[in-house]
Amino acid sequence: KGRFTISRDNAKMEVYLQMNSIKREDGAVYYCN
């Protein structure tokens, strides 16, 4: 919270995850569902 932002563009059929102030513990495989 306060660091990541999720958004979507229905026309493009895309979803985004803007990740700011990334921390070491954010390291992972990220999956879209």
All heavy atoms as atom14 arrays in JSON, in Angstrom:
{
  "sequence": "KGRFTISRDNAKMEVYLQMNSIKREDGAVYYCN",
  "atom14_mask": [
    [1, 1, 1, 1, 1, 1, 1, 1, 1, 0, 0, 0, 0, 0],
    [1, 1, 1, 1, 0, 0, 0, 0, 0, 0, 0, 0, 0, 0],
    [1, 1, 1, 1, 1, 1, 1, 1, 1, 1, 1, 0, 0, 0],
    [1, 1, 1, 1, 1, 1, 1, 1, 1, 1, 1, 0, 0, 0],
    [1, 1, 1, 1, 1, 1, 1, 0, 0, 0, 0, 0, 0, 0],
    [1, 1, 1, 1, 1, 1, 1, 1, 0, 0, 0, 0, 0, 0],
    [1, 1, 1, 1, 1, 1, 0, 0, 0, 0, 0, 0, 0, 0],
    [1, 1, 1, 1, 1, 1, 1, 1, 1, 1, 1, 0, 0, 0],
    [1, 1, 1, 1, 1, 1, 1, 1, 0, 0, 0, 0, 0, 0],
    [1, 1, 1, 1, 1, 1, 1, 1, 0, 0, 0, 0, 0, 0],
    [1, 1, 1, 1, 1, 0, 0, 0, 0, 0, 0, 0, 0, 0],
    [1, 1, 1, 1, 1, 1, 1, 1, 1, 0, 0, 0, 0, 0],
    [1, 1, 1, 1, 1, 1, 1, 1, 0, 0, 0, 0, 0, 0],
    [1, 1, 1, 1, 1, 1, 1, 1, 1, 0, 0, 0, 0, 0],
    [1, 1, 1, 1, 1, 1, 1, 0, 0, 0, 0, 0, 0, 0],
    [1, 1, 1, 1, 1, 1, 1, 1, 1, 1, 1, 1, 0, 0],
    [1, 1, 1, 1, 1, 1, 1, 1, 0, 0, 0, 0, 0, 0],
    [1, 1, 1, 1, 1, 1, 1, 1, 1, 0, 0, 0, 0, 0],
    [1, 1, 1, 1, 1, 1, 1, 1, 0, 0, 0, 0, 0, 0],
    [1, 1, 1, 1, 1, 1, 1, 1, 0, 0, 0, 0, 0, 0],
    [1, 1, 1, 1, 1, 1, 0, 0, 0, 0, 0, 0, 0, 0],
    [1, 1, 1, 1, 1, 1, 1, 1, 0, 0, 0, 0, 0, 0],
    [1, 1, 1, 1, 1, 1, 1, 1, 1, 0, 0, 0, 0, 0],
    [1, 1, 1, 1, 1, 1, 1, 1, 1, 1, 1, 0, 0, 0],
    [1, 1, 1, 1, 1, 1, 1, 1, 1, 0, 0, 0, 0, 0],
    [1, 1, 1, 1, 1, 1, 1, 1, 0, 0, 0, 0, 0, 0],
    [1, 1, 1, 1, 0, 0, 0, 0, 0, 0, 0, 0, 0, 0],
    [1, 1, 1, 1, 1, 0, 0, 0, 0, 0, 0, 0, 0, 0],
    [1, 1, 1, 1, 1, 1, 1, 0, 0, 0, 0, 0, 0, 0],
    [1, 1, 1, 1, 1, 1, 1, 1, 1, 1, 1, 1, 0, 0],
    [1, 1, 1, 1, 1, 1, 1, 1, 1, 1, 1, 1, 0, 0],
    [1, 1, 1, 1, 1, 1, 0, 0, 0, 0, 0, 0, 0, 0],
    [1, 1, 1, 1, 1, 1, 1, 1, 0, 0, 0, 0, 0, 0]
  ],
  "atom14_positions": [
    [[0.84, -1.21, 0.0], [0.0, 0.0, 0.0], [0.86, 1.24, 0.0], [1.84, 1.34, 0.75], [-0.91, 0.0, 1.23], [-2.16, -0.83, 1.1], [-3.01, -0.74, 2.35], [-4.22, -1.64, 2.25], [-5.02, -1.64, 3.5], [0.0, 0.0, 0.0], [0.0, 0.0, 0.0], [0.0, 0.0, 0.0], [0.0, 0.0, 0.0], [0.0, 0.0, 0.0]],
    [[0.51, 2.18, -0.86], [1.22, 3.43, -0.95], [2.45, 3.37, -1.85], [3.04, 4.41, -2.15], [0.0, 0.0, 0.0], [0.0, 0.0, 0.0], [0.0, 0.0, 0.0], [0.0, 0.0, 0.0], [0.0, 0.0, 0.0], [0.0, 0.0, 0.0], [0.0, 0.0, 0.0], [0.0, 0.0, 0.0], [0.0, 0.0, 0.0], [0.0, 0.0, 0.0]],
    [[2.81, 2.17, -2.28], [3.99, 2.02, -3.15], [3.62, 1.47, -4.52], [4.23, 1.84, -5.53], [5.02, 1.09, -2.5], [5.51, 1.56, -1.15], [6.66, 0.68, -0.65], [6.26, -0.71, -0.44], [6.8, -1.75, -1.08], [7.75, -1.56, -1.98], [6.37, -2.99, -0.82], [0.0, 0.0, 0.0], [0.0, 0.0, 0.0], [0.0, 0.0, 0.0]],
    [[2.65, 0.59, -4.57], [2.23, -0.04, -5.82], [0.87, 0.51, -6.25], [0.03, 0.81, -5.4], [2.12, -1.55, -5.67], [3.42, -2.29, -5.48], [4.61, -1.62, -5.25], [3.45, -3.67, -5.51], [5.8, -2.29, -5.07], [4.62, -4.37, -5.33], [5.8, -3.67, -5.11], [0.0, 0.0, 0.0], [0.0, 0.0, 0.0], [0.0, 0.0, 0.0]],
    [[0.67, 0.58, -7.54], [-0.61, 1.01, -8.09], [-1.03, 0.07, -9.2], [-0.27, -0.16, -10.15], [-0.54, 2.45, -8.63], [-0.12, 3.33, -7.59], [-1.9, 2.89, -9.15], [0.0, 0.0, 0.0], [0.0, 0.0, 0.0], [0.0, 0.0, 0.0], [0.0, 0.0, 0.0], [0.0, 0.0, 0.0], [0.0, 0.0, 0.0], [0.0, 0.0, 0.0]],
    [[-2.23, -0.47, -9.09], [-2.77, -1.32, -10.14], [-3.75, -0.49, -10.97], [-4.5, 0.33, -10.44], [-3.47, -2.57, -9.55], [-3.84, -3.55, -10.66], [-4.67, -2.2, -8.69], [-4.31, -4.92, -10.13], [0.0, 0.0, 0.0], [0.0, 0.0, 0.0], [0.0, 0.0, 0.0], [0.0, 0.0, 0.0], [0.0, 0.0, 0.0], [0.0, 0.0, 0.0]],
    [[-3.73, -0.72, -12.27], [-4.65, -0.01, -13.16], [-4.98, -0.93, -14.34], [-4.3, -1.92, -14.56], [-4.05, 1.31, -13.64], [-2.86, 1.08, -14.37], [0.0, 0.0, 0.0], [0.0, 0.0, 0.0], [0.0, 0.0, 0.0], [0.0, 0.0, 0.0], [0.0, 0.0, 0.0], [0.0, 0.0, 0.0], [0.0, 0.0, 0.0], [0.0, 0.0, 0.0]],
    [[-5.99, -0.56, -15.05], [-6.39, -1.37, -16.21], [-6.8, -0.47, -17.36], [-7.28, 0.64, -17.15], [-7.51, -2.33, -15.84], [-8.83, -1.67, -15.49], [-9.83, -2.69, -14.88], [-10.2, -3.72, -15.84], [-10.73, -4.9, -15.48], [-10.92, -5.18, -14.19], [-11.06, -5.77, -16.4], [0.0, 0.0, 0.0], [0.0, 0.0, 0.0], [0.0, 0.0, 0.0]],
    [[-6.64, -0.99, -18.56], [-7.09, -0.32, -19.77], [-7.97, -1.33, -20.51], [-7.45, -2.24, -21.16], [-5.89, 0.1, -20.62], [-6.28, 0.92, -21.84], [-7.39, 0.7, -22.37], [-5.47, 1.75, -22.27], [0.0, 0.0, 0.0], [0.0, 0.0, 0.0], [0.0, 0.0, 0.0], [0.0, 0.0, 0.0], [0.0, 0.0, 0.0], [0.0, 0.0, 0.0]],
    [[-9.26, -1.17, -20.39], [-10.16, -2.16, -20.98], [-10.1, -2.15, -22.5], [-10.28, -3.2, -23.13], [-11.6, -1.91, -20.52], [-11.81, -2.27, -19.06], [-11.06, -3.05, -18.49], [-12.85, -1.71, -18.46], [0.0, 0.0, 0.0], [0.0, 0.0, 0.0], [0.0, 0.0, 0.0], [0.0, 0.0, 0.0], [0.0, 0.0, 0.0], [0.0, 0.0, 0.0]],
    [[-9.84, -1.02, -23.1], [-9.74, -0.95, -24.56], [-8.55, -1.75, -25.07], [-8.62, -2.39, -26.12], [-9.65, 0.5, -25.01], [0.0, 0.0, 0.0], [0.0, 0.0, 0.0], [0.0, 0.0, 0.0], [0.0, 0.0, 0.0], [0.0, 0.0, 0.0], [0.0, 0.0, 0.0], [0.0, 0.0, 0.0], [0.0, 0.0, 0.0], [0.0, 0.0, 0.0]],
    [[-7.47, -1.72, -24.31], [-6.26, -2.47, -24.7], [-6.26, -3.88, -24.12], [-5.39, -4.68, -24.45], [-5.01, -1.73, -24.25], [-4.77, -0.42, -24.96], [-3.45, 0.21, -24.5], [-3.17, 1.5, -25.25], [-1.88, 2.12, -24.8], [0.0, 0.0, 0.0], [0.0, 0.0, 0.0], [0.0, 0.0, 0.0], [0.0, 0.0, 0.0], [0.0, 0.0, 0.0]],
    [[-7.21, -4.15, -23.23], [-7.25, -5.45, -22.54], [-5.95, -5.71, -21.79], [-5.34, -6.78, -21.89], [-7.55, -6.59, -23.52], [-8.93, -6.47, -24.15], [-9.33, -7.77, -25.32], [-9.29, -9.23, -24.31], [0.0, 0.0, 0.0], [0.0, 0.0, 0.0], [0.0, 0.0, 0.0], [0.0, 0.0, 0.0], [0.0, 0.0, 0.0], [0.0, 0.0, 0.0]],
    [[-5.53, -4.71, -21.05], [-4.3, -4.81, -20.29], [-4.5, -4.33, -18.85], [-5.33, -3.47, -18.58], [-3.18, -4.0, -20.95], [-2.75, -4.54, -22.29], [-1.58, -3.78, -22.88], [-1.24, -2.71, -22.35], [-1.0, -4.27, -23.87], [0.0, 0.0, 0.0], [0.0, 0.0, 0.0], [0.0, 0.0, 0.0], [0.0, 0.0, 0.0], [0.0, 0.0, 0.0]],
    [[-3.72, -4.91, -17.97], [-3.67, -4.46, -16.59], [-2.21, -4.21, -16.24], [-1.31, -4.88, -16.78], [-4.33, -5.49, -15.64], [-3.58, -6.8, -15.64], [-4.44, -4.93, -14.23], [0.0, 0.0, 0.0], [0.0, 0.0, 0.0], [0.0, 0.0, 0.0], [0.0, 0.0, 0.0], [0.0, 0.0, 0.0], [0.0, 0.0, 0.0], [0.0, 0.0, 0.0]],
    [[-1.97, -3.24, -15.37], [-0.62, -2.82, -15.05], [-0.41, -2.83, -13.54], [-1.35, -2.68, -12.76], [-0.38, -1.41, -15.6], [-0.8, -1.23, -17.03], [-2.01, -0.61, -17.33], [-0.01, -1.71, -18.06], [-2.42, -0.46, -18.65], [-0.41, -1.56, -19.39], [-1.62, -0.94, -19.67], [-2.03, -0.8, -20.98], [0.0, 0.0, 0.0], [0.0, 0.0, 0.0]],
    [[0.84, -2.97, -13.19], [1.23, -2.81, -11.79], [2.44, -1.89, -11.76], [3.53, -2.28, -12.18], [1.56, -4.15, -11.15], [1.84, -4.08, -9.64], [0.55, -3.74, -8.87], [2.42, -5.4, -9.12], [0.0, 0.0, 0.0], [0.0, 0.0, 0.0], [0.0, 0.0, 0.0], [0.0, 0.0, 0.0], [0.0, 0.0, 0.0], [0.0, 0.0, 0.0]],
    [[2.21, -0.67, -11.31], [3.3, 0.28, -11.15], [3.89, 0.07, -9.77], [3.19, 0.21, -8.76], [2.79, 1.71, -11.3], [3.85, 2.78, -11.1], [4.93, 2.74, -12.16], [4.63, 2.61, -13.35], [6.18, 2.86, -11.75], [0.0, 0.0, 0.0], [0.0, 0.0, 0.0], [0.0, 0.0, 0.0], [0.0, 0.0, 0.0], [0.0, 0.0, 0.0]],
    [[5.16, -0.26, -9.73], [5.86, -0.56, -8.48], [6.87, 0.53, -8.21], [7.8, 0.72, -8.99], [6.55, -1.92, -8.59], [5.6, -3.05, -9.04], [6.47, -4.55, -9.54], [7.33, -4.98, -8.04], [0.0, 0.0, 0.0], [0.0, 0.0, 0.0], [0.0, 0.0, 0.0], [0.0, 0.0, 0.0], [0.0, 0.0, 0.0], [0.0, 0.0, 0.0]],
    [[6.69, 1.26, -7.14], [7.62, 2.32, -6.75], [8.21, 2.01, -5.38], [7.68, 1.19, -4.63], [6.89, 3.66, -6.7], [6.35, 4.09, -8.04], [6.91, 3.77, -9.08], [5.25, 4.84, -8.02], [0.0, 0.0, 0.0], [0.0, 0.0, 0.0], [0.0, 0.0, 0.0], [0.0, 0.0, 0.0], [0.0, 0.0, 0.0], [0.0, 0.0, 0.0]],
    [[9.32, 2.66, -5.08], [9.99, 2.45, -3.79], [10.13, 0.96, -3.5], [9.8, 0.48, -2.4], [9.19, 3.13, -2.67], [9.04, 4.51, -2.93], [0.0, 0.0, 0.0], [0.0, 0.0, 0.0], [0.0, 0.0, 0.0], [0.0, 0.0, 0.0], [0.0, 0.0, 0.0], [0.0, 0.0, 0.0], [0.0, 0.0, 0.0], [0.0, 0.0, 0.0]],
    [[10.66, 0.26, -4.47], [10.75, -1.19, -4.38], [11.71, -1.61, -3.27], [12.79, -1.01, -3.12], [11.16, -1.79, -5.73], [10.02, -1.6, -6.74], [11.52, -3.26, -5.6], [10.35, -2.02, -8.14], [0.0, 0.0, 0.0], [0.0, 0.0, 0.0], [0.0, 0.0, 0.0], [0.0, 0.0, 0.0], [0.0, 0.0, 0.0], [0.0, 0.0, 0.0]],
    [[11.31, -2.63, -2.54], [12.13, -3.16, -1.46], [12.66, -4.55, -1.84], [12.13, -5.21, -2.72], [11.29, -3.28, -0.18], [10.65, -1.99, 0.27], [9.78, -2.21, 1.5], [9.13, -0.92, 1.96], [8.28, -1.13, 3.16], [0.0, 0.0, 0.0], [0.0, 0.0, 0.0], [0.0, 0.0, 0.0], [0.0, 0.0, 0.0], [0.0, 0.0, 0.0]],
    [[13.68, -4.98, -1.13], [14.25, -6.3, -1.42], [13.19, -7.38, -1.3], [13.19, -8.35, -2.07], [15.42, -6.59, -0.49], [16.63, -5.7, -0.75], [17.84, -6.15, 0.05], [18.95, -5.23, -0.13], [19.79, -5.27, -1.15], [19.65, -6.2, -2.08], [20.77, -4.4, -1.25], [0.0, 0.0, 0.0], [0.0, 0.0, 0.0], [0.0, 0.0, 0.0]],
    [[12.31, -7.23, -0.35], [11.3, -8.26, -0.13], [10.22, -8.28, -1.22], [9.35, -9.15, -1.2], [10.64, -8.09, 1.24], [10.11, -6.71, 1.52], [11.08, -5.85, 2.31], [12.3, -5.93, 2.04], [10.62, -5.1, 3.19], [0.0, 0.0, 0.0], [0.0, 0.0, 0.0], [0.0, 0.0, 0.0], [0.0, 0.0, 0.0], [0.0, 0.0, 0.0]],
    [[10.29, -7.34, -2.14], [9.36, -7.37, -3.28], [9.84, -8.31, -4.38], [9.11, -8.58, -5.33], [9.19, -5.97, -3.87], [8.5, -5.01, -2.92], [7.57, -5.44, -2.2], [8.88, -3.82, -2.91], [0.0, 0.0, 0.0], [0.0, 0.0, 0.0], [0.0, 0.0, 0.0], [0.0, 0.0, 0.0], [0.0, 0.0, 0.0], [0.0, 0.0, 0.0]],
    [[11.05, -8.8, -4.26], [11.58, -9.71, -5.26], [10.79, -11.01, -5.28], [10.62, -11.65, -4.25], [0.0, 0.0, 0.0], [0.0, 0.0, 0.0], [0.0, 0.0, 0.0], [0.0, 0.0, 0.0], [0.0, 0.0, 0.0], [0.0, 0.0, 0.0], [0.0, 0.0, 0.0], [0.0, 0.0, 0.0], [0.0, 0.0, 0.0], [0.0, 0.0, 0.0]],
    [[10.3, -11.38, -6.44], [9.45, -12.58, -6.57], [9.09, -12.76, -8.04], [9.39, -11.9, -8.88], [8.17, -12.42, -5.76], [0.0, 0.0, 0.0], [0.0, 0.0, 0.0], [0.0, 0.0, 0.0], [0.0, 0.0, 0.0], [0.0, 0.0, 0.0], [0.0, 0.0, 0.0], [0.0, 0.0, 0.0], [0.0, 0.0, 0.0], [0.0, 0.0, 0.0]],
    [[8.42, -13.86, -8.33], [7.77, -14.02, -9.63], [6.37, -13.44, -9.49], [5.63, -13.81, -8.57], [7.71, -15.49, -10.07], [6.98, -15.61, -11.41], [9.12, -16.07, -10.16], [0.0, 0.0, 0.0], [0.0, 0.0, 0.0], [0.0, 0.0, 0.0], [0.0, 0.0, 0.0], [0.0, 0.0, 0.0], [0.0, 0.0, 0.0], [0.0, 0.0, 0.0]],
    [[6.03, -12.54, -10.38], [4.74, -11.88, -10.34], [3.82, -12.49, -11.4], [4.21, -12.63, -12.56], [4.9, -10.38, -10.57], [5.4, -9.66, -9.35], [6.71, -9.81, -8.93], [4.56, -8.85, -8.59], [7.18, -9.19, -7.78], [5.02, -8.2, -7.45], [6.32, -8.39, -7.05], [6.78, -7.76, -5.91], [0.0, 0.0, 0.0], [0.0, 0.0, 0.0]],
    [[2.64, -12.85, -10.95], [1.67, -13.52, -11.81], [0.43, -12.65, -11.98], [-0.06, -12.04, -11.03], [1.24, -14.85, -11.22], [2.33, -15.86, -11.09], [3.08, -15.96, -9.92], [2.62, -16.74, -12.13], [4.09, -16.9, -9.79], [3.63, -17.68, -12.01], [4.36, -17.75, -10.84], [5.35, -18.68, -10.72], [0.0, 0.0, 0.0], [0.0, 0.0, 0.0]],
    [[-0.09, -12.68, -13.17], [-1.36, -12.02, -13.48], [-2.46, -13.07, -13.46], [-2.28, -14.19, -13.94], [-1.26, -11.38, -14.85], [-2.77, -10.57, -15.44], [0.0, 0.0, 0.0], [0.0, 0.0, 0.0], [0.0, 0.0, 0.0], [0.0, 0.0, 0.0], [0.0, 0.0, 0.0], [0.0, 0.0, 0.0], [0.0, 0.0, 0.0], [0.0, 0.0, 0.0]],
    [[-3.6, -12.69, -12.9], [-4.76, -13.58, -12.89], [-6.0, -12.84, -13.35], [-6.24, -11.71, -12.93], [-4.99, -14.13, -11.49], [-6.25, -14.97, -11.39], [-7.28, -14.53, -10.9], [-6.17, -16.2, -11.86], [0.0, 0.0, 0.0], [0.0, 0.0, 0.0], [0.0, 0.0, 0.0], [0.0, 0.0, 0.0], [0.0, 0.0, 0.0], [0.0, 0.0, 0.0]]
  ]
}
